[in-house]
Amino acid sequence: MRLLFFLIIIYSLILGSSQVALKSGINQLGKLNSKHLSDIWPIFLQALTSWPIMIGILFMVLSFFLWFYILSLFKLSLVFPLSSITFVVTVIMAAIFLGEGLTICNVIGTLVICAGVFILLLRV
């Protein structure tokens, strides 16, 4: 059980980091307001040369392979609900690294997720 919890925390940190890096890269590019596909292509190419976006993609790929490893060891019916801790980690990381504010809804939602994860851990 400790291994599962450890792996889920690592998975959540890697996936949360990927989201923060991607958002940071998108913030550098600016808003994508175009409705025409031809206007988006240059922005897409620019995104592929952005270090934060490349790091975000790398972390996402790493989390993907770690997820495969976790699934090979544990039941999906246990692992998938526990992976919701990723939402909590990502909200906290967004507040710390991106300066995104925490609203009362964020805090309540995060606490509900934590309570659900705790209940699942009691079952095991």
PDB file of N, CA and C in Angstrom:
ATOM      1  N   MET A   1       0.825  -1.198   0.000  1.00  0.00           N
ATOM      2  CA  MET A   1       0.000   0.000   0.000  1.00  0.00           C
ATOM      3  C   MET A   1       0.868   1.262   0.000  1.00  0.00           C
ATOM      4  N   ARG A   2       1.979   1.223   0.730  1.00  0.00           N
ATOM      5  CA  ARG A   2       2.872   2.382   0.739  1.00  0.00           C
ATOM      6  C   ARG A   2       3.433   2.648  -0.655  1.00  0.00           C
ATOM      7  N   LEU A   3       3.747   1.559  -1.355  1.00  0.00           N
ATOM      8  CA  LEU A   3       4.265   1.710  -2.712  1.00  0.00           C
ATOM      9  C   LEU A   3       3.232   2.395  -3.603  1.00  0.00           C
ATOM     10  N   LEU A   4       1.986   1.971  -3.504  1.00  0.00           N
ATOM     11  CA  LEU A   4       0.925   2.577  -4.311  1.00  0.00           C
ATOM     12  C   LEU A   4       0.811   4.068  -4.009  1.00  0.00           C
ATOM     13  N   PHE A   5       0.752   4.410  -2.739  1.00  0.00           N
ATOM     14  CA  PHE A   5       0.607   5.811  -2.364  1.00  0.00           C
ATOM     15  C   PHE A   5       1.811   6.625  -2.849  1.00  0.00           C
ATOM     16  N   PHE A   6       3.010   6.085  -2.686  1.00  0.00           N
ATOM     17  CA  PHE A   6       4.223   6.755  -3.150  1.00  0.00           C
ATOM     18  C   PHE A   6       4.174   6.988  -4.661  1.00  0.00           C
ATOM     19  N   LEU A   7       3.807   5.952  -5.413  1.00  0.00           N
ATOM     20  CA  LEU A   7       3.749   6.065  -6.874  1.00  0.00           C
ATOM     21  C   LEU A   7       2.691   7.072  -7.325  1.00  0.00           C
ATOM     22  N   ILE A   8       1.549   7.087  -6.651  1.00  0.00           N
ATOM     23  CA  ILE A   8       0.486   8.037  -7.003  1.00  0.00           C
ATOM     24  C   ILE A   8       0.941   9.470  -6.723  1.00  0.00           C
ATOM     25  N   ILE A   9       1.640   9.681  -5.622  1.00  0.00           N
ATOM     26  CA  ILE A   9       2.149  11.025  -5.315  1.00  0.00           C
ATOM     27  C   ILE A   9       3.158  11.463  -6.373  1.00  0.00           C
ATOM     28  N   ILE A  10       4.085  10.570  -6.730  1.00  0.00           N
ATOM     29  CA  ILE A  10       5.075  10.897  -7.765  1.00  0.00           C
ATOM     30  C   ILE A  10       4.371  11.179  -9.093  1.00  0.00           C
ATOM     31  N   TYR A  11       3.415  10.320  -9.446  1.00  0.00           N
ATOM     32  CA  TYR A  11       2.635  10.512 -10.676  1.00  0.00           C
ATOM     33  C   TYR A  11       1.948  11.881 -10.664  1.00  0.00           C
ATOM     34  N   SER A  12       1.332  12.222  -9.547  1.00  0.00           N
ATOM     35  CA  SER A  12       0.612  13.493  -9.435  1.00  0.00           C
ATOM     36  C   SER A  12       1.555  14.686  -9.551  1.00  0.00           C
ATOM     37  N   LEU A  13       2.725  14.579  -8.943  1.00  0.00           N
ATOM     38  CA  LEU A  13       3.703  15.665  -9.030  1.00  0.00           C
ATOM     39  C   LEU A  13       4.209  15.851 -10.462  1.00  0.00           C
ATOM     40  N   ILE A  14       4.466  14.740 -11.142  1.00  0.00           N
ATOM     41  CA  ILE A  14       4.949  14.831 -12.526  1.00  0.00           C
ATOM     42  C   ILE A  14       3.860  15.389 -13.439  1.00  0.00           C
ATOM     43  N   LEU A  15       2.635  14.856 -13.319  1.00  0.00           N
ATOM     44  CA  LEU A  15       1.549  15.328 -14.175  1.00  0.00           C
ATOM     45  C   LEU A  15       1.182  16.779 -13.851  1.00  0.00           C
ATOM     46  N   GLY A  16       1.153  17.124 -12.569  1.00  0.00           N
ATOM     47  CA  GLY A  16       0.891  18.511 -12.181  1.00  0.00           C
ATOM     48  C   GLY A  16       1.958  19.454 -12.715  1.00  0.00           C
ATOM     49  N   SER A  17       3.217  19.017 -12.662  1.00  0.00           N
ATOM     50  CA  SER A  17       4.317  19.822 -13.199  1.00  0.00           C
ATOM     51  C   SER A  17       4.167  20.022 -14.700  1.00  0.00           C
ATOM     52  N   SER A  18       3.696  18.987 -15.377  1.00  0.00           N
ATOM     53  CA  SER A  18       3.498  19.123 -16.827  1.00  0.00           C
ATOM     54  C   SER A  18       2.448  20.188 -17.118  1.00  0.00           C
ATOM     55  N   GLN A  19       1.385  20.206 -16.340  1.00  0.00           N
ATOM     56  CA  GLN A  19       0.322  21.187 -16.567  1.00  0.00           C
ATOM     57  C   GLN A  19       0.798  22.604 -16.277  1.00  0.00           C
ATOM     58  N   VAL A  20       1.582  22.768 -15.212  1.00  0.00           N
ATOM     59  CA  VAL A  20       2.118  24.090 -14.874  1.00  0.00           C
ATOM     60  C   VAL A  20       3.078  24.565 -15.966  1.00  0.00           C
ATOM     61  N   ALA A  21       3.928  23.666 -16.455  1.00  0.00           N
ATOM     62  CA  ALA A  21       4.866  24.034 -17.522  1.00  0.00           C
ATOM     63  C   ALA A  21       4.119  24.400 -18.802  1.00  0.00           C
ATOM     64  N   LEU A  22       3.106  23.607 -19.157  1.00  0.00           N
ATOM     65  CA  LEU A  22       2.318  23.906 -20.357  1.00  0.00           C
ATOM     66  C   LEU A  22       1.621  25.261 -20.236  1.00  0.00           C
ATOM     67  N   LYS A  23       1.027  25.516 -19.090  1.00  0.00           N
ATOM     68  CA  LYS A  23       0.334  26.791 -18.878  1.00  0.00           C
ATOM     69  C   LYS A  23       1.320  27.956 -18.932  1.00  0.00           C
ATOM     70  N   SER A  24       2.494  27.769 -18.363  1.00  0.00           N
ATOM     71  CA  SER A  24       3.521  28.804 -18.407  1.00  0.00           C
ATOM     72  C   SER A  24       3.921  29.104 -19.850  1.00  0.00           C
ATOM     73  N   GLY A  25       4.091  28.055 -20.635  1.00  0.00           N
ATOM     74  CA  GLY A  25       4.434  28.234 -22.044  1.00  0.00           C
ATOM     75  C   GLY A  25       3.335  28.921 -22.828  1.00  0.00           C
ATOM     76  N   ILE A  26       2.103  28.536 -22.570  1.00  0.00           N
ATOM     77  CA  ILE A  26       0.961  29.168 -23.246  1.00  0.00           C
ATOM     78  C   ILE A  26       0.857  30.637 -22.847  1.00  0.00           C
ATOM     79  N   ASN A  27       1.116  30.936 -21.570  1.00  0.00           N
ATOM     80  CA  ASN A  27       1.087  32.333 -21.126  1.00  0.00           C
ATOM     81  C   ASN A  27       2.112  33.171 -21.883  1.00  0.00           C
ATOM     82  N   GLN A  28       3.275  32.576 -22.181  1.00  0.00           N
ATOM     83  CA  GLN A  28       4.308  33.298 -22.930  1.00  0.00           C
ATOM     84  C   GLN A  28       3.864  33.569 -24.369  1.00  0.00           C
ATOM     85  N   LEU A  29       3.104  32.635 -24.938  1.00  0.00           N
ATOM     86  CA  LEU A  29       2.647  32.795 -26.322  1.00  0.00           C
ATOM     87  C   LEU A  29       1.493  33.783 -26.440  1.00  0.00           C
ATOM     88  N   GLY A  30       0.705  33.896 -25.406  1.00  0.00           N
ATOM     89  CA  GLY A  30      -0.474  34.750 -25.446  1.00  0.00           C
ATOM     90  C   GLY A  30      -1.711  33.932 -25.768  1.00  0.00           C
ATOM     91  N   LYS A  31      -2.852  34.589 -25.725  1.00  0.00           N
ATOM     92  CA  LYS A  31      -4.116  33.895 -25.970  1.00  0.00           C
ATOM     93  C   LYS A  31      -4.242  33.493 -27.431  1.00  0.00           C
ATOM     94  N   LEU A  32      -4.844  32.340 -27.636  1.00  0.00           N
ATOM     95  CA  LEU A  32      -5.090  31.848 -28.988  1.00  0.00           C
ATOM     96  C   LEU A  32      -6.502  32.273 -29.386  1.00  0.00           C
ATOM     97  N   ASN A  33      -6.619  33.430 -30.008  1.00  0.00           N
ATOM     98  CA  ASN A  33      -7.933  33.990 -30.328  1.00  0.00           C
ATOM     99  C   ASN A  33      -8.412  33.687 -31.737  1.00  0.00           C
ATOM    100  N   SER A  34      -7.563  33.138 -32.560  1.00  0.00           N
ATOM    101  CA  SER A  34      -7.911  32.945 -33.963  1.00  0.00           C
ATOM    102  C   SER A  34      -8.948  31.842 -34.146  1.00  0.00           C
ATOM    103  N   LYS A  35      -9.844  32.080 -35.090  1.00  0.00           N
ATOM    104  CA  LYS A  35     -10.853  31.075 -35.423  1.00  0.00           C
ATOM    105  C   LYS A  35     -10.510  30.360 -36.719  1.00  0.00           C
ATOM    106  N   HIS A  36      -9.425  30.768 -37.347  1.00  0.00           N
ATOM    107  CA  HIS A  36      -9.013  30.172 -38.617  1.00  0.00           C
ATOM    108  C   HIS A  36      -7.808  29.271 -38.394  1.00  0.00           C
ATOM    109  N   LEU A  37      -7.885  28.071 -38.908  1.00  0.00           N
ATOM    110  CA  LEU A  37      -6.813  27.096 -38.734  1.00  0.00           C
ATOM    111  C   LEU A  37      -5.489  27.606 -39.292  1.00  0.00           C
ATOM    112  N   SER A  38      -5.530  28.332 -40.367  1.00  0.00           N
ATOM    113  CA  SER A  38      -4.289  28.836 -40.977  1.00  0.00           C
ATOM    114  C   SER A  38      -3.564  29.818 -40.061  1.00  0.00           C
ATOM    115  N   ASP A  39      -4.293  30.517 -39.202  1.00  0.00           N
ATOM    116  CA  ASP A  39      -3.672  31.453 -38.259  1.00  0.00           C
ATOM    117  C   ASP A  39      -3.064  30.734 -37.062  1.00  0.00           C
ATOM    118  N   ILE A  40      -3.553  29.552 -36.771  1.00  0.00           N
ATOM    119  CA  ILE A  40      -3.083  28.813 -35.602  1.00  0.00           C
ATOM    120  C   ILE A  40      -1.761  28.104 -35.889  1.00  0.00           C
ATOM    121  N   TRP A  41      -1.515  27.733 -37.140  1.00  0.00           N
ATOM    122  CA  TRP A  41      -0.315  26.968 -37.497  1.00  0.00           C
ATOM    123  C   TRP A  41       0.986  27.645 -37.044  1.00  0.00           C
ATOM    124  N   PRO A  42       1.199  28.954 -37.306  1.00  0.00           N
ATOM    125  CA  PRO A  42       2.441  29.588 -36.827  1.00  0.00           C
ATOM    126  C   PRO A  42       2.562  29.575 -35.301  1.00  0.00           C
ATOM    127  N   ILE A  43       1.441  29.727 -34.624  1.00  0.00           N
ATOM    128  CA  ILE A  43       1.458  29.687 -33.161  1.00  0.00           C
ATOM    129  C   ILE A  43       1.807  28.287 -32.683  1.00  0.00           C
ATOM    130  N   PHE A  44       1.283  27.277 -33.358  1.00  0.00           N
ATOM    131  CA  PHE A  44       1.596  25.889 -33.029  1.00  0.00           C
ATOM    132  C   PHE A  44       3.095  25.630 -33.184  1.00  0.00           C
ATOM    133  N   LEU A  45       3.685  26.099 -34.277  1.00  0.00           N
ATOM    134  CA  LEU A  45       5.125  25.922 -34.495  1.00  0.00           C
ATOM    135  C   LEU A  45       5.937  26.662 -33.434  1.00  0.00           C
ATOM    136  N   GLN A  46       5.477  27.832 -33.057  1.00  0.00           N
ATOM    137  CA  GLN A  46       6.146  28.597 -32.003  1.00  0.00           C
ATOM    138  C   GLN A  46       6.052  27.851 -30.673  1.00  0.00           C
ATOM    139  N   ALA A  47       4.920  27.216 -30.415  1.00  0.00           N
ATOM    140  CA  ALA A  47       4.740  26.456 -29.174  1.00  0.00           C
ATOM    141  C   ALA A  47       5.723  25.297 -29.095  1.00  0.00           C
ATOM    142  N   LEU A  48       6.005  24.683 -30.226  1.00  0.00           N
ATOM    143  CA  LEU A  48       6.925  23.543 -30.236  1.00  0.00           C
ATOM    144  C   LEU A  48       8.368  23.942 -29.950  1.00  0.00           C
ATOM    145  N   THR A  49       8.676  25.225 -30.040  1.00  0.00           N
ATOM    146  CA  THR A  49      10.027  25.685 -29.723  1.00  0.00           C
ATOM    147  C   THR A  49      10.102  26.344 -28.352  1.00  0.00           C
ATOM    148  N   SER A  50       9.019  26.330 -27.621  1.00  0.00           N
ATOM    149  CA  SER A  50       8.971  26.921 -26.284  1.00  0.00           C
ATOM    150  C   SER A  50       9.480  25.911 -25.260  1.00  0.00           C
ATOM    151  N   TRP A  51      10.497  26.321 -24.487  1.00  0.00           N
ATOM    152  CA  TRP A  51      11.046  25.409 -23.474  1.00  0.00           C
ATOM    153  C   TRP A  51      10.001  24.949 -22.463  1.00  0.00           C
ATOM    154  N   PRO A  52       9.185  25.837 -21.902  1.00  0.00           N
ATOM    155  CA  PRO A  52       8.180  25.350 -20.946  1.00  0.00           C
ATOM    156  C   PRO A  52       7.226  24.326 -21.563  1.00  0.00           C
ATOM    157  N   ILE A  53       6.845  24.538 -22.808  1.00  0.00           N
ATOM    158  CA  ILE A  53       5.930  23.591 -23.457  1.00  0.00           C
ATOM    159  C   ILE A  53       6.629  22.264 -23.718  1.00  0.00           C
ATOM    160  N   MET A  54       7.887  22.317 -24.149  1.00  0.00           N
ATOM    161  CA  MET A  54       8.621  21.063 -24.369  1.00  0.00           C
ATOM    162  C   MET A  54       8.813  20.296 -23.059  1.00  0.00           C
ATOM    163  N   ILE A  55       9.101  21.015 -21.981  1.00  0.00           N
ATOM    164  CA  ILE A  55       9.240  20.365 -20.673  1.00  0.00           C
ATOM    165  C   ILE A  55       7.898  19.788 -20.240  1.00  0.00           C
ATOM    166  N   GLY A  56       6.818  20.528 -20.468  1.00  0.00           N
ATOM    167  CA  GLY A  56       5.482  20.032 -20.138  1.00  0.00           C
ATOM    168  C   GLY A  56       5.152  18.750 -20.879  1.00  0.00           C
ATOM    169  N   ILE A  57       5.491  18.700 -22.154  1.00  0.00           N
ATOM    170  CA  ILE A  57       5.245  17.488 -22.945  1.00  0.00           C
ATOM    171  C   ILE A  57       6.097  16.336 -22.429  1.00  0.00           C
ATOM    172  N   LEU A  58       7.363  16.611 -22.111  1.00  0.00           N
ATOM    173  CA  LEU A  58       8.244  15.570 -21.566  1.00  0.00           C
ATOM    174  C   LEU A  58       7.680  15.002 -20.266  1.00  0.00           C
ATOM    175  N   PHE A  59       7.253  15.882 -19.363  1.00  0.00           N
ATOM    176  CA  PHE A  59       6.681  15.414 -18.095  1.00  0.00           C
ATOM    177  C   PHE A  59       5.399  14.621 -18.319  1.00  0.00           C
ATOM    178  N   MET A  60       4.614  15.038 -19.304  1.00  0.00           N
ATOM    179  CA  MET A  60       3.382  14.313 -19.596  1.00  0.00           C
ATOM    180  C   MET A  60       3.691  12.900 -20.083  1.00  0.00           C
ATOM    181  N   VAL A  61       4.699  12.772 -20.928  1.00  0.00           N
ATOM    182  CA  VAL A  61       5.114  11.451 -21.414  1.00  0.00           C
ATOM    183  C   VAL A  61       5.633  10.605 -20.252  1.00  0.00           C
ATOM    184  N   LEU A  62       6.429  11.207 -19.366  1.00  0.00           N
ATOM    185  CA  LEU A  62       6.919  10.468 -18.195  1.00  0.00           C
ATOM    186  C   LEU A  62       5.762   9.982 -17.325  1.00  0.00           C
ATOM    187  N   SER A  63       4.776  10.842 -17.117  1.00  0.00           N
ATOM    188  CA  SER A  63       3.627  10.443 -16.296  1.00  0.00           C
ATOM    189  C   SER A  63       2.844   9.320 -16.962  1.00  0.00           C
ATOM    190  N   PHE A  64       2.785   9.345 -18.279  1.00  0.00           N
ATOM    191  CA  PHE A  64       2.100   8.302 -19.045  1.00  0.00           C
ATOM    192  C   PHE A  64       2.743   6.938 -18.791  1.00  0.00           C
ATOM    193  N   PHE A  65       4.072   6.879 -18.858  1.00  0.00           N
ATOM    194  CA  PHE A  65       4.761   5.607 -18.619  1.00  0.00           C
ATOM    195  C   PHE A  65       4.687   5.181 -17.156  1.00  0.00           C
ATOM    196  N   LEU A  66       4.735   6.140 -16.242  1.00  0.00           N
ATOM    197  CA  LEU A  66       4.568   5.799 -14.829  1.00  0.00           C
ATOM    198  C   LEU A  66       3.161   5.253 -14.587  1.00  0.00           C
ATOM    199  N   TRP A  67       2.170   5.815 -15.255  1.00  0.00           N
ATOM    200  CA  TRP A  67       0.794   5.330 -15.138  1.00  0.00           C
ATOM    201  C   TRP A  67       0.696   3.884 -15.609  1.00  0.00           C
ATOM    202  N   PHE A  68       1.350   3.557 -16.721  1.00  0.00           N
ATOM    203  CA  PHE A  68       1.390   2.167 -17.189  1.00  0.00           C
ATOM    204  C   PHE A  68       1.965   1.256 -16.117  1.00  0.00           C
ATOM    205  N   TYR A  69       3.043   1.697 -15.493  1.00  0.00           N
ATOM    206  CA  TYR A  69       3.689   0.894 -14.449  1.00  0.00           C
ATOM    207  C   TYR A  69       2.741   0.689 -13.267  1.00  0.00           C
ATOM    208  N   ILE A  70       2.089   1.755 -12.845  1.00  0.00           N
ATOM    209  CA  ILE A  70       1.145   1.660 -11.722  1.00  0.00           C
ATOM    210  C   ILE A  70       0.016   0.691 -12.062  1.00  0.00           C
ATOM    211  N   LEU A  71      -0.520   0.802 -13.272  1.00  0.00           N
ATOM    212  CA  LEU A  71      -1.613  -0.094 -13.680  1.00  0.00           C
ATOM    213  C   LEU A  71      -1.174  -1.549 -13.739  1.00  0.00           C
ATOM    214  N   SER A  72       0.091  -1.774 -14.018  1.00  0.00           N
ATOM    215  CA  SER A  72       0.574  -3.156 -14.078  1.00  0.00           C
ATOM    216  C   SER A  72       0.660  -3.787 -12.694  1.00  0.00           C
ATOM    217  N   LEU A  73       0.697  -2.966 -11.653  1.00  0.00           N
ATOM    218  CA  LEU A  73       0.868  -3.480 -10.289  1.00  0.00           C
ATOM    219  C   LEU A  73      -0.421  -3.543  -9.477  1.00  0.00           C
ATOM    220  N   PHE A  74      -1.377  -2.657  -9.780  1.00  0.00           N
ATOM    221  CA  PHE A  74      -2.542  -2.512  -8.912  1.00  0.00           C
ATOM    222  C   PHE A  74      -3.840  -2.525  -9.718  1.00  0.00           C
ATOM    223  N   LYS A  75      -4.946  -2.716  -9.004  1.00  0.00           N
ATOM    224  CA  LYS A  75      -6.270  -2.735  -9.630  1.00  0.00           C
ATOM    225  C   LYS A  75      -6.674  -1.332 -10.086  1.00  0.00           C
ATOM    226  N   LEU A  76      -7.229  -1.270 -11.273  1.00  0.00           N
ATOM    227  CA  LEU A  76      -7.700   0.002 -11.815  1.00  0.00           C
ATOM    228  C   LEU A  76      -8.772   0.614 -10.916  1.00  0.00           C
ATOM    229  N   SER A  77      -9.628  -0.221 -10.355  1.00  0.00           N
ATOM    230  CA  SER A  77     -10.722   0.274  -9.509  1.00  0.00           C
ATOM    231  C   SER A  77     -10.213   0.976  -8.248  1.00  0.00           C
ATOM    232  N   LEU A  78      -8.981   0.727  -7.871  1.00  0.00           N
ATOM    233  CA  LEU A  78      -8.372   1.419  -6.738  1.00  0.00           C
ATOM    234  C   LEU A  78      -7.515   2.591  -7.210  1.00  0.00           C
ATOM    235  N   VAL A  79      -6.725   2.343  -8.225  1.00  0.00           N
ATOM    236  CA  VAL A  79      -5.740   3.316  -8.682  1.00  0.00           C
ATOM    237  C   VAL A  79      -6.388   4.557  -9.303  1.00  0.00           C
ATOM    238  N   PHE A  80      -7.392   4.353 -10.135  1.00  0.00           N
ATOM    239  CA  PHE A  80      -7.972   5.497 -10.842  1.00  0.00           C
ATOM    240  C   PHE A  80      -8.588   6.515  -9.884  1.00  0.00           C
ATOM    241  N   PRO A  81      -9.399   6.101  -8.917  1.00  0.00           N
ATOM    242  CA  PRO A  81      -9.909   7.104  -7.972  1.00  0.00           C
ATOM    243  C   PRO A  81      -8.799   7.782  -7.164  1.00  0.00           C
ATOM    244  N   LEU A  82      -7.761   7.025  -6.807  1.00  0.00           N
ATOM    245  CA  LEU A  82      -6.660   7.625  -6.053  1.00  0.00           C
ATOM    246  C   LEU A  82      -5.908   8.664  -6.882  1.00  0.00           C
ATOM    247  N   SER A  83      -5.917   8.480  -8.185  1.00  0.00           N
ATOM    248  CA  SER A  83      -5.206   9.432  -9.045  1.00  0.00           C
ATOM    249  C   SER A  83      -5.866  10.812  -9.036  1.00  0.00           C
ATOM    250  N   SER A  84      -7.059  10.917  -8.474  1.00  0.00           N
ATOM    251  CA  SER A  84      -7.714  12.226  -8.395  1.00  0.00           C
ATOM    252  C   SER A  84      -6.941  13.188  -7.499  1.00  0.00           C
ATOM    253  N   ILE A  85      -6.007  12.670  -6.721  1.00  0.00           N
ATOM    254  CA  ILE A  85      -5.154  13.541  -5.913  1.00  0.00           C
ATOM    255  C   ILE A  85      -4.348  14.478  -6.825  1.00  0.00           C
ATOM    256  N   THR A  86      -4.241  14.109  -8.099  1.00  0.00           N
ATOM    257  CA  THR A  86      -3.556  14.958  -9.079  1.00  0.00           C
ATOM    258  C   THR A  86      -4.228  16.328  -9.175  1.00  0.00           C
ATOM    259  N   PHE A  87      -5.550  16.364  -9.059  1.00  0.00           N
ATOM    260  CA  PHE A  87      -6.259  17.645  -9.108  1.00  0.00           C
ATOM    261  C   PHE A  87      -5.821  18.543  -7.955  1.00  0.00           C
ATOM    262  N   VAL A  88      -5.677  17.951  -6.781  1.00  0.00           N
ATOM    263  CA  VAL A  88      -5.257  18.700  -5.597  1.00  0.00           C
ATOM    264  C   VAL A  88      -3.844  19.244  -5.802  1.00  0.00           C
ATOM    265  N   VAL A  89      -2.949  18.377  -6.227  1.00  0.00           N
ATOM    266  CA  VAL A  89      -1.554  18.769  -6.439  1.00  0.00           C
ATOM    267  C   VAL A  89      -1.459  19.883  -7.482  1.00  0.00           C
ATOM    268  N   THR A  90      -2.216  19.759  -8.556  1.00  0.00           N
ATOM    269  CA  THR A  90      -2.153  20.746  -9.638  1.00  0.00           C
ATOM    270  C   THR A  90      -2.696  22.100  -9.195  1.00  0.00           C
ATOM    271  N   VAL A  91      -3.768  22.112  -8.429  1.00  0.00           N
ATOM    272  CA  VAL A  91      -4.316  23.379  -7.920  1.00  0.00           C
ATOM    273  C   VAL A  91      -3.293  24.070  -7.023  1.00  0.00           C
ATOM    274  N   ILE A  92      -2.646  23.309  -6.161  1.00  0.00           N
ATOM    275  CA  ILE A  92      -1.636  23.878  -5.262  1.00  0.00           C
ATOM    276  C   ILE A  92      -0.437  24.390  -6.058  1.00  0.00           C
ATOM    277  N   MET A  93       0.017  23.606  -7.030  1.00  0.00           N
ATOM    278  CA  MET A  93       1.160  24.027  -7.845  1.00  0.00           C
ATOM    279  C   MET A  93       0.827  25.273  -8.664  1.00  0.00           C
ATOM    280  N   ALA A  94      -0.395  25.363  -9.170  1.00  0.00           N
ATOM    281  CA  ALA A  94      -0.805  26.542  -9.937  1.00  0.00           C
ATOM    282  C   ALA A  94      -0.800  27.787  -9.055  1.00  0.00           C
ATOM    283  N   ALA A  95      -1.217  27.623  -7.811  1.00  0.00           N
ATOM    284  CA  ALA A  95      -1.212  28.754  -6.883  1.00  0.00           C
ATOM    285  C   ALA A  95       0.221  29.190  -6.568  1.00  0.00           C
ATOM    286  N   ILE A  96       1.107  28.221  -6.364  1.00  0.00           N
ATOM    287  CA  ILE A  96       2.489  28.540  -5.986  1.00  0.00           C
ATOM    288  C   ILE A  96       3.297  29.080  -7.167  1.00  0.00           C
ATOM    289  N   PHE A  97       3.264  28.369  -8.294  1.00  0.00           N
ATOM    290  CA  PHE A  97       4.168  28.688  -9.400  1.00  0.00           C
ATOM    291  C   PHE A  97       3.588  29.637 -10.449  1.00  0.00           C
ATOM    292  N   LEU A  98       2.275  29.688 -10.557  1.00  0.00           N
ATOM    293  CA  LEU A  98       1.653  30.554 -11.559  1.00  0.00           C
ATOM    294  C   LEU A  98       0.952  31.758 -10.942  1.00  0.00           C
ATOM    295  N   GLY A  99       0.887  31.771  -9.610  1.00  0.00           N
ATOM    296  CA  GLY A  99       0.236  32.882  -8.936  1.00  0.00           C
ATOM    297  C   GLY A  99      -1.274  32.883  -9.077  1.00  0.00           C
ATOM    298  N   GLU A 100      -1.843  31.727  -9.424  1.00  0.00           N
ATOM    299  CA  GLU A 100      -3.298  31.642  -9.543  1.00  0.00           C
ATOM    300  C   GLU A 100      -3.905  31.630  -8.142  1.00  0.00           C
ATOM    301  N   GLY A 101      -4.919  32.420  -7.956  1.00  0.00           N
ATOM    302  CA  GLY A 101      -5.552  32.514  -6.656  1.00  0.00           C
ATOM    303  C   GLY A 101      -6.368  31.279  -6.312  1.00  0.00           C
ATOM    304  N   LEU A 102      -6.496  31.047  -5.026  1.00  0.00           N
ATOM    305  CA  LEU A 102      -7.349  29.962  -4.543  1.00  0.00           C
ATOM    306  C   LEU A 102      -8.675  30.563  -4.098  1.00  0.00           C
ATOM    307  N   THR A 103      -9.744  30.124  -4.718  1.00  0.00           N
ATOM    308  CA  THR A 103     -11.071  30.581  -4.315  1.00  0.00           C
ATOM    309  C   THR A 103     -11.623  29.613  -3.275  1.00  0.00           C
ATOM    310  N   ILE A 104     -12.688  29.994  -2.644  1.00  0.00           N
ATOM    311  CA  ILE A 104     -13.329  29.118  -1.668  1.00  0.00           C
ATOM    312  C   ILE A 104     -13.802  27.834  -2.348  1.00  0.00           C
ATOM    313  N   CYS A 105     -14.245  27.947  -3.597  1.00  0.00           N
ATOM    314  CA  CYS A 105     -14.665  26.751  -4.345  1.00  0.00           C
ATOM    315  C   CYS A 105     -13.491  25.815  -4.588  1.00  0.00           C
ATOM    316  N   ASN A 106     -12.310  26.373  -4.922  1.00  0.00           N
ATOM    317  CA  ASN A 106     -11.115  25.541  -5.088  1.00  0.00           C
ATOM    318  C   ASN A 106     -10.787  24.788  -3.804  1.00  0.00           C
ATOM    319  N   VAL A 107     -10.829  25.506  -2.705  1.00  0.00           N
ATOM    320  CA  VAL A 107     -10.472  24.905  -1.416  1.00  0.00           C
ATOM    321  C   VAL A 107     -11.475  23.825  -1.031  1.00  0.00           C
ATOM    322  N   ILE A 108     -12.764  24.110  -1.158  1.00  0.00           N
ATOM    323  CA  ILE A 108     -13.787  23.120  -0.804  1.00  0.00           C
ATOM    324  C   ILE A 108     -13.684  21.901  -1.715  1.00  0.00           C
ATOM    325  N   GLY A 109     -13.547  22.121  -3.006  1.00  0.00           N
ATOM    326  CA  GLY A 109     -13.406  21.009  -3.944  1.00  0.00           C
ATOM    327  C   GLY A 109     -12.188  20.158  -3.640  1.00  0.00           C
ATOM    328  N   THR A 110     -11.089  20.808  -3.312  1.00  0.00           N
ATOM    329  CA  THR A 110      -9.860  20.096  -2.967  1.00  0.00           C
ATOM    330  C   THR A 110     -10.047  19.268  -1.705  1.00  0.00           C
ATOM    331  N   LEU A 111     -10.719  19.829  -0.721  1.00  0.00           N
ATOM    332  CA  LEU A 111     -10.975  19.086   0.521  1.00  0.00           C
ATOM    333  C   LEU A 111     -11.888  17.886   0.284  1.00  0.00           C
ATOM    334  N   VAL A 112     -12.869  18.041  -0.587  1.00  0.00           N
ATOM    335  CA  VAL A 112     -13.760  16.919  -0.919  1.00  0.00           C
ATOM    336  C   VAL A 112     -12.968  15.797  -1.591  1.00  0.00           C
ATOM    337  N   ILE A 113     -12.077  16.155  -2.511  1.00  0.00           N
ATOM    338  CA  ILE A 113     -11.242  15.144  -3.167  1.00  0.00           C
ATOM    339  C   ILE A 113     -10.365  14.438  -2.140  1.00  0.00           C
ATOM    340  N   CYS A 114      -9.747  15.208  -1.247  1.00  0.00           N
ATOM    341  CA  CYS A 114      -8.899  14.605  -0.204  1.00  0.00           C
ATOM    342  C   CYS A 114      -9.704  13.662   0.681  1.00  0.00           C
ATOM    343  N   ALA A 115     -10.919  14.048   1.021  1.00  0.00           N
ATOM    344  CA  ALA A 115     -11.770  13.177   1.838  1.00  0.00           C
ATOM    345  C   ALA A 115     -12.082  11.887   1.096  1.00  0.00           C
ATOM    346  N   GLY A 116     -12.364  11.979  -0.185  1.00  0.00           N
ATOM    347  CA  GLY A 116     -12.633  10.784  -0.982  1.00  0.00           C
ATOM    348  C   GLY A 116     -11.436   9.860  -1.057  1.00  0.00           C
ATOM    349  N   VAL A 117     -10.258  10.425  -1.239  1.00  0.00           N
ATOM    350  CA  VAL A 117      -9.034   9.614  -1.272  1.00  0.00           C
ATOM    351  C   VAL A 117      -8.816   8.947   0.078  1.00  0.00           C
ATOM    352  N   PHE A 118      -9.044   9.678   1.157  1.00  0.00           N
ATOM    353  CA  PHE A 118      -8.890   9.113   2.498  1.00  0.00           C
ATOM    354  C   PHE A 118      -9.850   7.941   2.705  1.00  0.00           C
ATOM    355  N   ILE A 119     -11.087   8.087   2.276  1.00  0.00           N
ATOM    356  CA  ILE A 119     -12.072   6.999   2.404  1.00  0.00           C
ATOM    357  C   ILE A 119     -11.626   5.777   1.612  1.00  0.00           C
ATOM    358  N   LEU A 120     -11.102   5.992   0.414  1.00  0.00           N
ATOM    359  CA  LEU A 120     -10.591   4.868  -0.381  1.00  0.00           C
ATOM    360  C   LEU A 120      -9.441   4.165   0.320  1.00  0.00           C
ATOM    361  N   LEU A 121      -8.577   4.928   0.952  1.00  0.00           N
ATOM    362  CA  LEU A 121      -7.433   4.327   1.640  1.00  0.00           C
ATOM    363  C   LEU A 121      -7.876   3.529   2.861  1.00  0.00           C
ATOM    364  N   LEU A 122      -8.981   3.906   3.463  1.00  0.00           N
ATOM    365  CA  LEU A 122      -9.509   3.134   4.596  1.00  0.00           C
ATOM    366  C   LEU A 122      -9.976   1.757   4.150  1.00  0.00           C
ATOM    367  N   ARG A 123     -10.435   1.667   2.916  1.00  0.00           N
ATOM    368  CA  ARG A 123     -10.961   0.422   2.367  1.00  0.00           C
ATOM    369  C   ARG A 123      -9.867  -0.620   2.160  1.00  0.00           C
ATOM    370  N   VAL A 124      -8.668  -0.144   1.924  1.00  0.00           N
ATOM    371  CA  VAL A 124      -7.574  -1.057   1.563  1.00  0.00           C
ATOM    372  C   VAL A 124      -6.856  -1.583   2.781  1.00  0.00           C
TER     373      VAL A 124
END
